[in-house]
């Protein structure tokens, strides 16, 4: 594999739920404001104190260099690292700026923690000395990975001998060429210098020369494409500042923004026609996702313009996305429990149990995000789902899926309307796909190259969530939801008796009894059992009682006849043919 880096020497039901939602949202906003360390963009600015010894600056993926690529043309596909590094204090000897590929960087990076910094410098550059160009010590090497810094203000760095090879306005330039595959490169500063006489590496101990540690100011830019020719390529602005693993994310966010821009007004229109806690909660979840996409899109557009973006917007967008997904999961659990399907209310104990499980799940999800930003070493090629908090979140999501299936099974056991059973069956199948896709994708992503993994996870998760929102919006649409959901009423008072009646075991299946017994004696009614259509008309559920054309009088003694299909039967008949007296 050939590689070369050439420098060119250059509302009411949900009051407590809304309270919990607001508290969690405030907490997430606080996390976004104060938690997590910033992730640098492609434009790096700051200062380095030499007593830090080592500072890792950035990891950047450079695209594959096309074979026909030529410098200073519109076909230029090289990667460029350029900028200025100066200091207000003259250093006695220069320290080192290192730009290394992964193979060279790992051992260099691992040796930085040696207790004796003098030994650390020698170990870090031991193998690099054999391959890195040095005018005094290794003039025949081709790999030009190092620069002596700081550079004199207004002048090129000492290792740059040809001004034409340096980007105008810069003191140094690295040109990255990877003709075979895209690759990550790593930029760092270390307080080590090479003695040009002995060619040995030493630690720059500032205490020998200064009373205070000198500061080195840096302004470095990393890009895919020629910075002098970016106006010649139409696609350059969309790729220029982006690391290879983050390229095409701007187009992805634009697509989801357009989709949600169409969905949100439609859902707001729907919730105005159908004011119910289920539709309101779904609207909140959809709005959270839309806000998330807007924030991330704004950050990405600004990043494409200046290589920095707005990291606070990105963090807020990620937090809103987390809360949107967890609130959508809450909706699925509520529907699985039969809310607005077979019952109009859920008991307080059920709400407490649901919140006791759901709120910690949200907290774990946010903690994973914080962990991923603060504890996962950027040098490593792992994603958030390859850490122990990530496996914990996947385990919790799988547990929530199993609980969802249990609640759905219980709801279907007490539902007797074939139309609603059919709805619950399809709802459960589609929801199961939404629950299970993330663990599967996380497992598959382990075997995907880090250069493609981020885009894979981002594309699949956002597409699956967007599809889930579209399906849910269709299910809750006003002219369809009335077929299988109890969403028409807003006054739920006095409905507890109907809920209890709906869950009562008043249906006896055909296998339990083959004869019908009246109060006067044994009477076979095989004619009823042989007629499936007539049997189906005997099914009772809450929505049958709510939407019947004629109200059904119910007396305490049960002596009045219940008319079904024009036939009167004293005491009322269940599907199994048993009397209710």
Protein backbone atom coordinates (compact mmCIF):
# COMPACT_ATOMS: atom_id res chain seq x y z
CA UNK A 1 0.00 0.00 0.00
CA UNK A 2 1.54 3.20 -1.13
CA UNK A 3 1.13 6.34 0.96
CA UNK A 4 2.95 9.61 1.03
CA UNK A 5 2.69 12.91 2.82
CA UNK A 6 4.74 15.45 0.92
CA UNK A 7 5.32 18.89 2.34
CA UNK A 8 6.81 20.09 -0.87
CA UNK A 9 9.20 21.24 1.71
CA UNK A 10 6.03 23.12 2.17
CA UNK A 11 -52.92 19.16 29.10
CA UNK A 12 -54.79 17.53 32.31
CA UNK A 13 -54.25 13.85 31.79
CA UNK A 14 -50.66 14.56 31.28
CA UNK A 15 -50.05 17.18 33.98
CA UNK A 16 -47.54 15.05 35.88
CA UNK A 17 -46.20 13.68 32.62
CA UNK A 18 -45.68 17.18 31.28
CA UNK A 19 -43.97 18.07 34.54
CA UNK A 20 -41.58 15.17 34.19
CA UNK A 21 -41.00 16.02 30.55
CA UNK A 22 -40.22 19.65 31.36
CA UNK A 23 -37.84 18.70 34.18
CA UNK A 24 -36.00 16.29 31.92
CA UNK A 25 -35.83 18.90 29.17
CA UNK A 26 -34.41 21.53 31.52
CA UNK A 27 -31.84 19.02 32.76
CA UNK A 28 -30.85 18.15 29.22
CA UNK A 29 -30.45 21.84 28.36
CA UNK A 30 -28.22 22.27 31.39
CA UNK A 31 -26.12 19.33 30.26
CA UNK A 32 -25.86 20.84 26.82
CA UNK A 33 -24.74 24.18 28.26
CA UNK A 34 -22.20 22.95 30.80
CA UNK A 35 -21.43 19.31 30.11
CA UNK A 36 -19.06 17.77 27.64
CA UNK A 37 -15.86 19.05 26.18
CA UNK A 38 -15.97 20.87 22.86
CA UNK A 39 -15.09 18.95 19.74
CA UNK A 40 -12.83 21.01 17.49
CA UNK A 41 -13.70 21.64 13.90
CA UNK A 42 -11.39 21.71 10.92
CA UNK A 43 -10.17 25.19 11.89
CA UNK A 44 -8.05 24.95 15.04
CA UNK A 45 -7.07 27.99 17.09
CA UNK A 46 -5.60 28.24 20.56
CA UNK A 47 -2.37 28.26 22.52
CA UNK A 48 -0.01 25.60 23.80
CA UNK A 49 2.11 25.99 26.92
CA UNK A 50 5.33 24.05 26.66
CA UNK A 51 4.97 22.68 30.20
CA UNK A 52 1.95 20.66 28.97
CA UNK A 53 4.50 18.50 27.17
CA UNK A 54 1.92 16.99 24.76
CA UNK A 55 -1.26 18.34 23.16
CA UNK A 56 -3.37 16.31 20.73
CA UNK A 57 -5.02 18.77 18.38
CA UNK A 58 -7.21 16.92 15.89
CA UNK A 59 -8.05 13.72 14.04
CA UNK A 60 -9.09 14.32 10.45
CA UNK A 61 -10.07 11.95 7.65
CA UNK A 62 -8.60 12.83 4.26
CA UNK A 63 -10.26 11.58 1.10
CA UNK A 64 -8.69 9.26 -1.44
CA UNK A 65 -6.50 11.13 -3.88
CA UNK A 66 -7.64 10.58 -7.46
CA UNK A 67 -5.00 9.36 -9.89
CA UNK A 68 -5.63 12.24 -12.28
CA UNK A 69 -5.37 14.77 -9.44
CA UNK A 70 -3.04 17.68 -10.08
CA UNK A 71 -2.05 20.47 -7.77
CA UNK A 72 -3.47 23.95 -8.28
CA UNK A 73 -6.21 22.76 -10.66
CA UNK A 74 -9.94 22.16 -10.31
CA UNK A 75 -9.16 18.43 -10.18
CA UNK A 76 -7.01 18.80 -7.07
CA UNK A 77 -8.15 16.15 -4.54
CA UNK A 78 -5.17 16.36 -2.20
CA UNK A 79 -5.66 17.09 1.46
CA UNK A 80 -4.10 20.22 2.96
CA UNK A 81 -2.99 21.20 6.45
CA UNK A 82 -1.80 24.78 6.68
CA UNK A 83 -1.64 27.69 9.07
CA UNK A 84 0.50 29.84 11.37
CA UNK A 85 2.28 29.02 14.62
CA UNK A 86 4.03 31.83 16.49
CA UNK A 87 5.09 32.78 19.99
CA UNK A 88 5.48 36.10 21.78
CA UNK A 89 8.58 34.71 23.53
CA UNK A 90 11.60 33.45 21.67
CA UNK A 91 12.28 29.81 22.48
CA UNK A 92 15.89 28.79 22.82
CA UNK A 93 15.26 25.68 20.71
CA UNK A 94 12.11 24.84 18.75
CA UNK A 95 9.53 22.23 19.77
CA UNK A 96 7.73 19.96 17.30
CA UNK A 97 4.47 19.89 15.34
CA UNK A 98 3.75 16.33 14.18
CA UNK A 99 1.27 15.26 11.47
CA UNK A 100 1.16 11.44 11.37
CA UNK A 101 -0.92 8.71 9.83
CA UNK A 102 -2.43 6.07 12.12
CA UNK A 103 0.30 3.49 11.67
CA UNK A 104 3.02 5.94 12.70
CA UNK A 105 0.93 7.74 15.31
CA UNK A 106 -0.12 4.90 17.62
CA UNK A 107 3.31 4.04 19.02
CA UNK A 108 4.29 7.70 19.13
CA UNK A 109 1.12 8.46 21.12
CA UNK A 110 1.49 5.47 23.48
CA UNK A 111 4.99 6.51 24.60
CA UNK A 112 3.95 10.02 25.66
CA UNK A 113 3.12 8.87 29.20
CA UNK A 114 6.61 7.76 30.18
CA UNK A 115 7.40 9.13 33.65
CA UNK A 116 10.71 10.64 32.54
CA UNK A 117 9.92 13.13 29.77
CA UNK A 118 13.43 12.94 28.39
CA UNK A 119 12.94 9.20 27.91
CA UNK A 120 9.45 9.83 26.55
CA UNK A 121 10.82 12.07 23.78
CA UNK A 122 13.39 9.47 22.78
CA UNK A 123 10.83 6.68 22.66
CA UNK A 124 8.24 8.73 20.79
CA UNK A 125 10.60 9.51 17.94
CA UNK A 126 12.68 6.34 17.95
CA UNK A 127 10.97 4.72 14.94
CA UNK A 128 10.00 8.00 13.31
CA UNK A 129 13.66 8.89 12.94
CA UNK A 130 14.05 6.10 10.40
CA UNK A 131 11.28 7.30 8.06
CA UNK A 132 10.86 11.06 8.64
CA UNK A 133 12.72 13.63 6.59
CA UNK A 134 15.26 15.79 8.40
CA UNK A 135 17.58 18.12 6.57
CA UNK A 136 20.42 17.44 9.03
CA UNK A 137 19.80 13.84 10.17
CA UNK A 138 17.79 12.03 7.44
CA UNK A 139 17.88 14.01 4.19
CA UNK A 140 16.94 11.05 1.96
CA UNK A 141 13.62 10.21 3.64
CA UNK A 142 10.41 11.04 1.78
CA UNK A 143 7.93 11.24 4.68
CA UNK A 144 7.84 14.87 5.75
CA UNK A 145 5.79 14.57 8.95
CA UNK A 146 7.37 17.16 11.27
CA UNK A 147 7.73 20.94 11.61
CA UNK A 148 9.89 22.86 14.02
CA UNK A 149 7.80 25.49 15.82
CA UNK A 150 7.19 28.28 16.64
CA UNK A 151 7.86 30.09 13.41
CA UNK A 152 9.15 33.63 13.25
CA UNK A 153 6.23 36.09 12.76
CA UNK A 154 5.84 37.12 9.14
CA UNK A 155 8.16 34.40 7.87
CA UNK A 156 7.92 30.79 6.80
CA UNK A 157 8.71 27.99 9.23
CA UNK A 158 12.35 26.83 9.12
CA UNK A 159 11.42 23.56 7.36
CA UNK A 160 9.65 25.33 4.48
CA UNK A 161 12.17 26.14 1.76
CA UNK A 162 9.88 27.01 -1.15
CA UNK A 163 7.25 29.73 -0.77
CA UNK A 164 5.30 28.53 -3.84
CA UNK A 165 4.50 25.29 -2.01
CA UNK A 166 2.97 27.13 0.96
CA UNK A 167 -0.66 28.32 0.98
CA UNK A 168 -0.65 32.13 0.81
CA UNK A 169 -0.94 33.72 4.24
CA UNK A 170 0.42 30.63 5.97
CA UNK A 171 3.78 29.76 7.47
CA UNK A 172 3.65 26.04 6.77
CA UNK A 173 1.75 23.58 4.55
CA UNK A 174 1.37 19.80 4.53
CA UNK A 175 -0.02 18.17 1.40
CA UNK A 176 -1.69 14.82 2.06
CA UNK A 177 -1.69 12.20 -0.68
CA UNK A 178 -3.47 8.85 -0.15
CA UNK A 179 -3.87 7.32 -3.63
CA UNK A 180 -5.36 4.02 -2.42
CA UNK A 181 -7.88 4.62 0.38
CA UNK A 182 -9.15 7.42 2.61
CA UNK A 183 -7.23 7.65 5.86
CA UNK A 184 -7.22 9.38 9.23
CA UNK A 185 -4.31 11.69 10.06
CA UNK A 186 -3.46 13.00 13.52
CA UNK A 187 -2.10 16.45 14.43
CA UNK A 188 -0.26 17.09 17.71
CA UNK A 189 2.31 19.34 19.40
CA UNK A 190 5.00 17.97 21.72
CA UNK A 191 7.70 19.72 23.77
CA UNK A 192 10.53 17.74 22.22
CA UNK A 193 13.34 18.92 20.00
CA UNK A 194 16.05 17.23 17.97
CA UNK A 195 19.69 18.08 18.46
CA UNK A 196 20.89 18.61 14.92
CA UNK A 197 24.43 17.68 15.91
CA UNK A 198 23.79 14.37 17.68
CA UNK A 199 20.36 13.74 16.05
CA UNK A 200 19.05 12.77 19.50
CA UNK A 201 15.65 13.86 20.83
CA UNK A 202 15.38 15.77 24.11
CA UNK A 203 12.68 17.26 26.32
CA UNK A 204 12.40 21.05 26.21
CA UNK A 205 12.61 21.92 29.91
CA UNK A 206 11.54 25.56 29.94
CA UNK A 207 12.84 26.03 33.52
CA UNK A 208 16.37 26.06 32.14
CA UNK A 209 15.59 29.06 29.94
CA UNK A 210 12.48 30.87 31.25
CA UNK A 211 10.83 31.69 34.54
CA UNK A 212 7.34 31.14 33.06
CA UNK A 213 6.34 28.53 30.46
CA UNK A 214 6.21 30.11 26.99
CA UNK A 215 2.96 30.00 25.04
CA UNK A 216 2.77 29.01 21.40
CA UNK A 217 -0.25 30.38 19.50
CA UNK A 218 -1.54 28.29 16.62
CA UNK A 219 -4.06 28.80 13.82
CA UNK A 220 -4.33 25.61 11.76
CA UNK A 221 -6.81 24.59 9.04
CA UNK A 222 -7.42 21.06 7.71
CA UNK A 223 -9.34 20.66 4.44
CA UNK A 224 -10.14 18.17 1.69
CA UNK A 225 -9.27 20.01 -1.51
CA UNK A 226 -7.06 22.85 -2.59
CA UNK A 227 -7.70 25.99 -0.50
CA UNK A 228 -6.64 28.14 -3.45
CA UNK A 229 -9.11 26.51 -5.87
CA UNK A 230 -12.24 25.97 -3.81
CA UNK A 231 -14.39 28.19 -6.05
CA UNK A 232 -13.74 26.02 -9.12
CA UNK A 233 -15.63 22.96 -7.83
CA UNK A 234 -19.37 23.10 -7.28
CA UNK A 235 -19.25 20.39 -4.61
CA UNK A 236 -16.25 21.76 -2.76
CA UNK A 237 -18.24 23.84 -0.23
CA UNK A 238 -20.07 20.68 0.84
CA UNK A 239 -16.87 18.67 1.33
CA UNK A 240 -14.11 21.19 1.88
CA UNK A 241 -13.99 21.52 5.68
CA UNK A 242 -15.43 18.09 6.45
CA UNK A 243 -13.42 15.11 7.58
CA UNK A 244 -14.05 12.18 5.27
CA UNK A 245 -16.14 10.36 7.90
CA UNK A 246 -18.43 13.43 8.18
CA UNK A 247 -18.80 14.23 4.49
CA UNK A 248 -22.37 14.23 3.07
CA UNK A 249 -23.90 14.85 6.51
CA UNK A 250 -25.00 18.32 5.37
CA UNK A 251 -27.02 16.86 2.50
CA UNK A 252 -28.47 14.28 4.90
CA UNK A 253 -29.66 16.93 7.35
CA UNK A 254 -31.12 18.99 4.49
CA UNK A 255 -33.23 16.02 3.35
CA UNK A 256 -34.59 15.37 6.85
CA UNK A 257 -35.23 19.08 7.35
CA UNK A 258 -37.43 19.18 4.23
CA UNK A 259 -39.32 16.04 5.31
CA UNK A 260 -40.00 17.34 8.82
CA UNK A 261 -40.86 20.77 7.43
CA UNK A 262 -43.76 19.07 5.64
CA UNK A 263 -44.73 16.79 8.52
CA UNK A 264 -44.84 19.34 11.36
CA UNK A 265 -47.56 21.65 9.89
CA UNK A 266 -49.67 18.62 8.98
CA UNK A 267 -49.40 17.23 12.52
CA UNK A 268 -50.23 20.64 14.04
CA UNK A 269 -53.33 20.72 11.83
CA UNK A 270 -54.24 17.19 12.94
CA UNK A 271 -53.84 17.92 16.66
CA UNK A 272 -56.12 20.96 16.34
CA UNK A 273 -58.85 18.71 14.94
CA UNK A 274 -58.26 15.91 17.45
CA UNK A 275 -57.33 17.21 20.87
CA UNK A 276 -56.25 14.16 22.81
CA UNK A 277 -53.22 13.50 25.06
CA UNK A 278 -51.90 10.83 22.68
CA UNK A 279 -51.84 13.15 19.67
CA UNK A 280 -50.46 15.98 21.79
CA UNK A 281 -47.63 13.84 23.11
CA UNK A 282 -46.79 12.68 19.62
CA UNK A 283 -46.82 16.29 18.40
CA UNK A 284 -44.35 17.22 21.14
CA UNK A 285 -42.09 14.34 20.14
CA UNK A 286 -42.22 15.35 16.48
CA UNK A 287 -41.50 19.00 17.32
CA UNK A 288 -38.50 17.97 19.41
CA UNK A 289 -37.09 16.04 16.48
CA UNK A 290 -37.72 18.95 14.12
CA UNK A 291 -35.95 21.36 16.47
CA UNK A 292 -33.07 18.89 16.71
CA UNK A 293 -32.70 18.72 12.94
CA UNK A 294 -32.85 22.53 12.67
CA UNK A 295 -30.10 22.98 15.26
CA UNK A 296 -27.86 20.33 13.72
CA UNK A 297 -28.45 21.69 10.23
CA UNK A 298 -27.55 25.22 11.37
CA UNK A 299 -24.35 23.95 12.97
CA UNK A 300 -23.44 21.92 9.88
CA UNK A 301 -24.03 24.83 7.49
CA UNK A 302 -21.86 27.10 9.61
CA UNK A 303 -19.23 24.37 9.78
CA UNK A 304 -19.24 24.09 6.00
CA UNK A 305 -18.66 27.83 5.80
CA UNK A 306 -15.87 28.31 8.35
CA UNK A 307 -14.74 24.88 9.56
CA UNK A 308 -15.86 25.66 13.13
CA UNK A 309 -19.66 25.74 13.27
CA UNK A 310 -21.39 26.23 16.60
CA UNK A 311 -20.68 23.43 19.03
CA UNK A 312 -23.40 24.49 21.49
CA UNK A 313 -26.02 24.19 18.75
CA UNK A 314 -24.72 20.73 17.91
CA UNK A 315 -24.92 19.61 21.55
CA UNK A 316 -28.43 21.01 21.95
CA UNK A 317 -29.49 19.28 18.74
CA UNK A 318 -28.19 15.93 19.99
CA UNK A 319 -29.99 16.38 23.33
CA UNK A 320 -33.29 17.24 21.64
CA UNK A 321 -32.86 14.18 19.42
CA UNK A 322 -32.36 11.94 22.46
CA UNK A 323 -35.45 13.31 24.16
CA UNK A 324 -37.52 13.01 20.99
CA UNK A 325 -36.68 9.31 20.67
CA UNK A 326 -37.35 8.56 24.33
CA UNK A 327 -40.70 10.40 24.24
CA UNK A 328 -41.65 8.42 21.13
CA UNK A 329 -40.83 5.25 23.04
CA UNK A 330 -43.18 6.46 25.80
CA UNK A 331 -46.00 6.79 23.23
CA UNK A 332 -45.43 3.23 22.05
CA UNK A 333 -45.55 1.92 25.63
CA UNK A 334 -48.77 3.84 26.35
CA UNK A 335 -50.49 2.45 23.26
CA UNK A 336 -49.25 -1.03 24.12
CA UNK A 337 -50.90 -0.68 27.53
CA UNK A 338 -54.17 0.00 25.69
CA UNK A 339 -54.44 3.72 26.33
CA UNK A 340 -56.84 5.19 23.74
CA UNK A 341 -57.23 1.72 22.21
CA UNK A 342 -59.16 -0.37 24.74
CA UNK A 343 -59.29 2.07 27.67
CA UNK A 344 -59.67 5.80 28.09
CA UNK A 345 -57.47 6.14 31.15
CA UNK A 346 -54.50 4.45 32.77
CA UNK A 347 -54.41 3.94 36.51
CA UNK A 348 -52.11 6.00 38.70
CA UNK A 349 -50.12 2.92 39.69
CA UNK A 350 -49.48 2.14 36.02
CA UNK A 351 -48.29 5.70 35.44
CA UNK A 352 -45.94 5.53 38.41
CA UNK A 353 -44.45 2.24 37.21
CA UNK A 354 -44.04 3.65 33.72
CA UNK A 355 -42.28 6.79 34.94
CA UNK A 356 -40.05 4.83 37.32
CA UNK A 357 -38.73 2.88 34.33
CA UNK A 358 -38.85 5.50 31.59
CA UNK A 359 -37.18 8.43 33.37
CA UNK A 360 -34.05 6.43 34.35
CA UNK A 361 -33.84 5.22 30.77
CA UNK A 362 -33.77 8.83 29.57
CA UNK A 363 -31.09 9.63 32.15
CA UNK A 364 -28.93 6.70 31.06
CA UNK A 365 -29.25 7.80 27.45
CA UNK A 366 -28.04 11.32 28.29
CA UNK A 367 -25.23 9.95 30.44
CA UNK A 368 -24.09 7.86 27.49
CA UNK A 369 -23.92 11.01 25.41
CA UNK A 370 -21.85 12.80 28.05
CA UNK A 371 -19.59 9.77 28.41
CA UNK A 372 -19.05 9.62 24.68
CA UNK A 373 -18.00 13.28 24.57
CA UNK A 374 -15.78 13.34 27.65
CA UNK A 375 -14.40 9.86 28.32
CA UNK A 376 -13.99 8.15 24.96
CA UNK A 377 -10.54 8.83 23.57
CA UNK A 378 -10.83 10.45 20.16
CA UNK A 379 -7.75 8.50 19.11
CA UNK A 380 -9.66 5.24 19.39
CA UNK A 381 -11.80 4.06 16.50
CA UNK A 382 -14.83 3.12 18.59
CA UNK A 383 -18.29 4.64 18.59
CA UNK A 384 -20.63 5.27 21.51
CA UNK A 385 -22.19 1.80 21.29
CA UNK A 386 -18.82 0.10 21.78
CA UNK A 387 -18.44 1.45 25.32
CA UNK A 388 -19.98 -0.01 28.46
CA UNK A 389 -22.55 2.85 28.71
CA UNK A 390 -23.47 2.11 25.10
CA UNK A 391 -24.02 -1.57 25.79
CA UNK A 392 -26.07 -0.54 28.85
CA UNK A 393 -28.35 1.65 26.72
CA UNK A 394 -28.80 -1.15 24.18
CA UNK A 395 -29.62 -3.58 26.99
CA UNK A 396 -32.15 -1.10 28.43
CA UNK A 397 -33.71 -0.62 25.01
CA UNK A 398 -34.03 -4.38 24.59
CA UNK A 399 -35.62 -4.62 28.04
CA UNK A 400 -38.11 -1.88 27.12
CA UNK A 401 -38.91 -3.82 23.95
CA UNK A 402 -39.68 -6.98 25.93
CA UNK A 403 -41.86 -4.96 28.31
CA UNK A 404 -43.63 -3.44 25.31
CA UNK A 405 -44.39 -6.91 23.94
CA UNK A 406 -45.69 -8.07 27.34
CA UNK A 407 -48.02 -5.08 27.68
CA UNK A 408 -49.23 -5.52 24.10
CA UNK A 409 -49.96 -9.21 24.72
CA UNK A 410 -51.94 -8.35 27.85
CA UNK A 411 -53.94 -5.70 25.99
CA UNK A 412 -54.76 -8.08 23.14
CA UNK A 413 -55.87 -10.74 25.61
CA UNK A 414 -58.70 -8.50 26.88
CA UNK A 415 -59.67 -7.00 23.52
CA UNK A 416 -62.51 -8.65 21.58
CA UNK A 417 -62.96 -6.40 18.54
CA UNK A 418 -61.43 -8.06 15.50
CA UNK A 419 -60.73 -4.65 13.97
CA UNK A 420 -58.76 -3.51 17.00
CA UNK A 421 -56.96 -6.83 17.29
CA UNK A 422 -55.86 -6.44 13.70
CA UNK A 423 -54.64 -2.90 14.44
CA UNK A 424 -52.74 -4.02 17.54
CA UNK A 425 -51.09 -6.83 15.59
CA UNK A 426 -49.79 -4.51 12.87
CA UNK A 427 -48.88 -1.82 15.40
CA UNK A 428 -46.88 -4.32 17.41
CA UNK A 429 -45.01 -5.61 14.38
CA UNK A 430 -44.01 -2.15 13.14
CA UNK A 431 -43.06 -0.98 16.63
CA UNK A 432 -40.94 -4.08 17.14
CA UNK A 433 -38.93 -3.14 14.07
CA UNK A 434 -38.31 0.33 15.55
CA UNK A 435 -37.20 -1.15 18.87
CA UNK A 436 -34.85 -3.74 17.44
CA UNK A 437 -33.13 -1.81 14.64
CA UNK A 438 -30.67 0.06 16.86
CA UNK A 439 -29.14 -3.00 18.60
CA UNK A 440 -28.78 -4.72 15.21
CA UNK A 441 -27.19 -1.69 13.58
CA UNK A 442 -24.84 -1.18 16.55
CA UNK A 443 -23.64 -4.78 16.25
CA UNK A 444 -23.17 -4.51 12.48
CA UNK A 445 -21.31 -1.20 12.83
CA UNK A 446 -18.57 -2.90 14.84
CA UNK A 447 -17.38 -4.51 11.61
CA UNK A 448 -17.61 -1.31 9.56
CA UNK A 449 -14.59 0.91 8.96
CA UNK A 450 -14.53 4.01 11.22
CA UNK A 451 -14.33 6.10 8.05
CA UNK A 452 -17.87 4.96 7.15
CA UNK A 453 -19.34 4.05 10.55
CA UNK A 454 -20.54 7.51 11.62
CA UNK A 455 -22.44 8.11 8.38
CA UNK A 456 -23.92 4.60 8.54
CA UNK A 457 -25.22 5.05 12.08
CA UNK A 458 -26.46 8.58 11.42
CA UNK A 459 -28.24 7.67 8.20
CA UNK A 460 -29.94 4.51 9.46
CA UNK A 461 -31.03 5.90 12.83
CA UNK A 462 -32.43 9.12 11.39
CA UNK A 463 -34.15 7.32 8.52
CA UNK A 464 -35.72 4.74 10.86
CA UNK A 465 -36.93 7.45 13.24
CA UNK A 466 -38.34 9.54 10.38
CA UNK A 467 -40.19 6.51 8.98
CA UNK A 468 -41.56 5.73 12.45
CA UNK A 469 -42.87 9.29 12.80
CA UNK A 470 -44.54 9.06 9.38
CA UNK A 471 -46.26 5.77 10.29
CA UNK A 472 -47.42 7.11 13.66
CA UNK A 473 -48.76 10.28 12.08
CA UNK A 474 -50.73 8.16 9.63
CA UNK A 475 -52.14 5.98 12.43
CA UNK A 476 -53.21 9.04 14.45
CA UNK A 477 -54.64 10.98 11.53
CA UNK A 478 -58.18 12.16 12.49
CA UNK A 479 -60.18 10.48 9.71
CA UNK A 480 -58.44 7.12 10.31
CA UNK A 481 -57.83 6.93 14.05
CA UNK A 482 -61.54 6.74 14.87
CA UNK A 483 -61.65 3.28 13.35
CA UNK A 484 -59.56 1.71 16.10
CA UNK A 485 -58.62 4.41 18.63
CA UNK A 486 -60.72 6.13 21.30
CA UNK A 487 -59.56 9.64 20.49
CA UNK A 488 -62.83 11.46 19.87
CA UNK A 489 -63.73 12.42 23.39
CA UNK A 490 -62.01 14.94 25.65
CA UNK A 491 -64.07 14.33 28.77
CA UNK A 492 -63.00 11.06 30.33
CA UNK A 493 -64.95 11.35 33.55
CA UNK A 494 -67.23 8.49 34.51
CA UNK A 495 -65.61 6.04 32.10
CA UNK A 496 -63.96 3.77 34.68
CA UNK A 497 -66.95 1.41 34.67
CA UNK A 498 -66.71 0.97 30.90
CA UNK A 499 -62.99 0.28 31.14
CA UNK A 500 -63.60 -2.36 33.79
CA UNK A 501 -66.39 -3.86 31.69
CA UNK A 502 -64.13 -4.02 28.67
CA UNK A 503 -61.44 -5.90 30.60
CA UNK A 504 -63.89 -8.24 32.33
CA UNK A 505 -63.74 -11.87 31.16
CA UNK A 506 -67.26 -11.80 29.72
CA UNK A 507 -66.15 -13.57 26.56
CA UNK A 508 -65.89 -17.35 26.69
CA UNK A 509 -64.20 -18.90 23.65
CA UNK A 510 -65.80 -21.59 21.54
CA UNK A 511 -63.60 -24.32 22.94
CA UNK A 512 -64.88 -23.69 26.46
CA UNK A 513 -68.54 -24.56 25.73
CA UNK A 514 -70.46 -26.10 22.88
CA UNK A 515 -73.96 -25.63 24.28
CA UNK A 516 -76.05 -22.72 25.45
CA UNK A 517 -77.93 -23.08 28.76
CA UNK A 518 -80.96 -20.97 29.48
CA UNK A 519 -82.48 -20.38 32.89
CA UNK A 520 -85.27 -22.81 32.01
CA UNK A 521 -83.04 -25.79 31.31
CA UNK A 522 -80.54 -27.23 28.82
CA UNK A 523 -81.04 -26.07 25.27
CA UNK A 524 -78.61 -26.75 22.46
CA UNK A 525 -77.84 -23.78 20.25
CA UNK A 526 -75.45 -25.32 17.76
CA UNK A 527 -77.03 -23.12 15.11
CA UNK A 528 -75.35 -20.12 16.73
CA UNK A 529 -72.02 -21.86 16.92
CA UNK A 530 -72.15 -22.90 13.30
CA UNK A 531 -72.74 -19.35 12.07
CA UNK A 532 -69.52 -17.35 12.29
CA UNK A 533 -71.18 -14.13 11.22
CA UNK A 534 -73.74 -14.31 13.98
CA UNK A 535 -71.07 -15.24 16.50
CA UNK A 536 -69.04 -12.16 15.57
CA UNK A 537 -72.02 -9.91 16.29
CA UNK A 538 -71.96 -11.05 19.90
CA UNK A 539 -68.52 -9.57 20.57
CA UNK A 540 -68.68 -6.64 22.99
CA UNK A 541 -65.98 -4.08 23.74
CA UNK A 542 -65.77 -0.55 25.04
CA UNK A 543 -66.04 1.07 21.64
CA UNK A 544 -69.14 -1.03 20.84
CA UNK A 545 -70.87 0.49 23.87
CA UNK A 546 -69.63 4.00 23.13
CA UNK A 547 -70.60 4.06 19.47
CA UNK A 548 -73.73 1.90 19.36
CA UNK A 549 -76.60 3.46 17.52
CA UNK A 550 -79.03 2.79 20.41
CA UNK A 551 -77.99 3.08 24.01
CA UNK A 552 -77.93 -0.20 25.88
CA UNK A 553 -79.82 -0.06 29.16
CA UNK A 554 -78.11 -1.98 31.89
CA UNK A 555 -80.05 -2.81 35.04
CA UNK A 556 -78.71 -4.22 38.24
CA UNK A 557 -80.90 -7.28 37.97
CA UNK A 558 -80.02 -8.00 34.35
CA UNK A 559 -83.67 -8.85 33.56
CA UNK A 560 -84.07 -6.63 30.51
CA UNK A 561 -83.36 -8.23 27.15
CA UNK A 562 -80.24 -7.31 25.13
CA UNK A 563 -81.03 -7.18 21.43
CA UNK A 564 -78.33 -8.31 18.99
CA UNK A 565 -79.01 -8.66 15.24
CA UNK A 566 -82.70 -8.27 15.90
CA UNK A 567 -82.79 -11.25 18.29
CA UNK A 568 -83.72 -10.87 21.95
CA UNK A 569 -82.07 -13.07 24.53
CA UNK A 570 -82.81 -12.75 28.19
CA UNK A 571 -79.79 -11.85 30.26
CA UNK A 572 -77.50 -11.30 27.25
CA UNK A 573 -75.27 -13.87 25.62
CA UNK A 574 -71.50 -13.99 25.44
CA UNK A 575 -69.61 -15.47 22.54
CA UNK A 576 -69.19 -18.80 24.24
CA UNK A 577 -72.96 -19.17 24.71
CA UNK A 578 -73.18 -18.74 28.49
CA UNK A 579 -75.85 -16.64 30.17
CA UNK A 580 -74.92 -13.76 32.47
CA UNK A 581 -77.52 -14.52 35.10
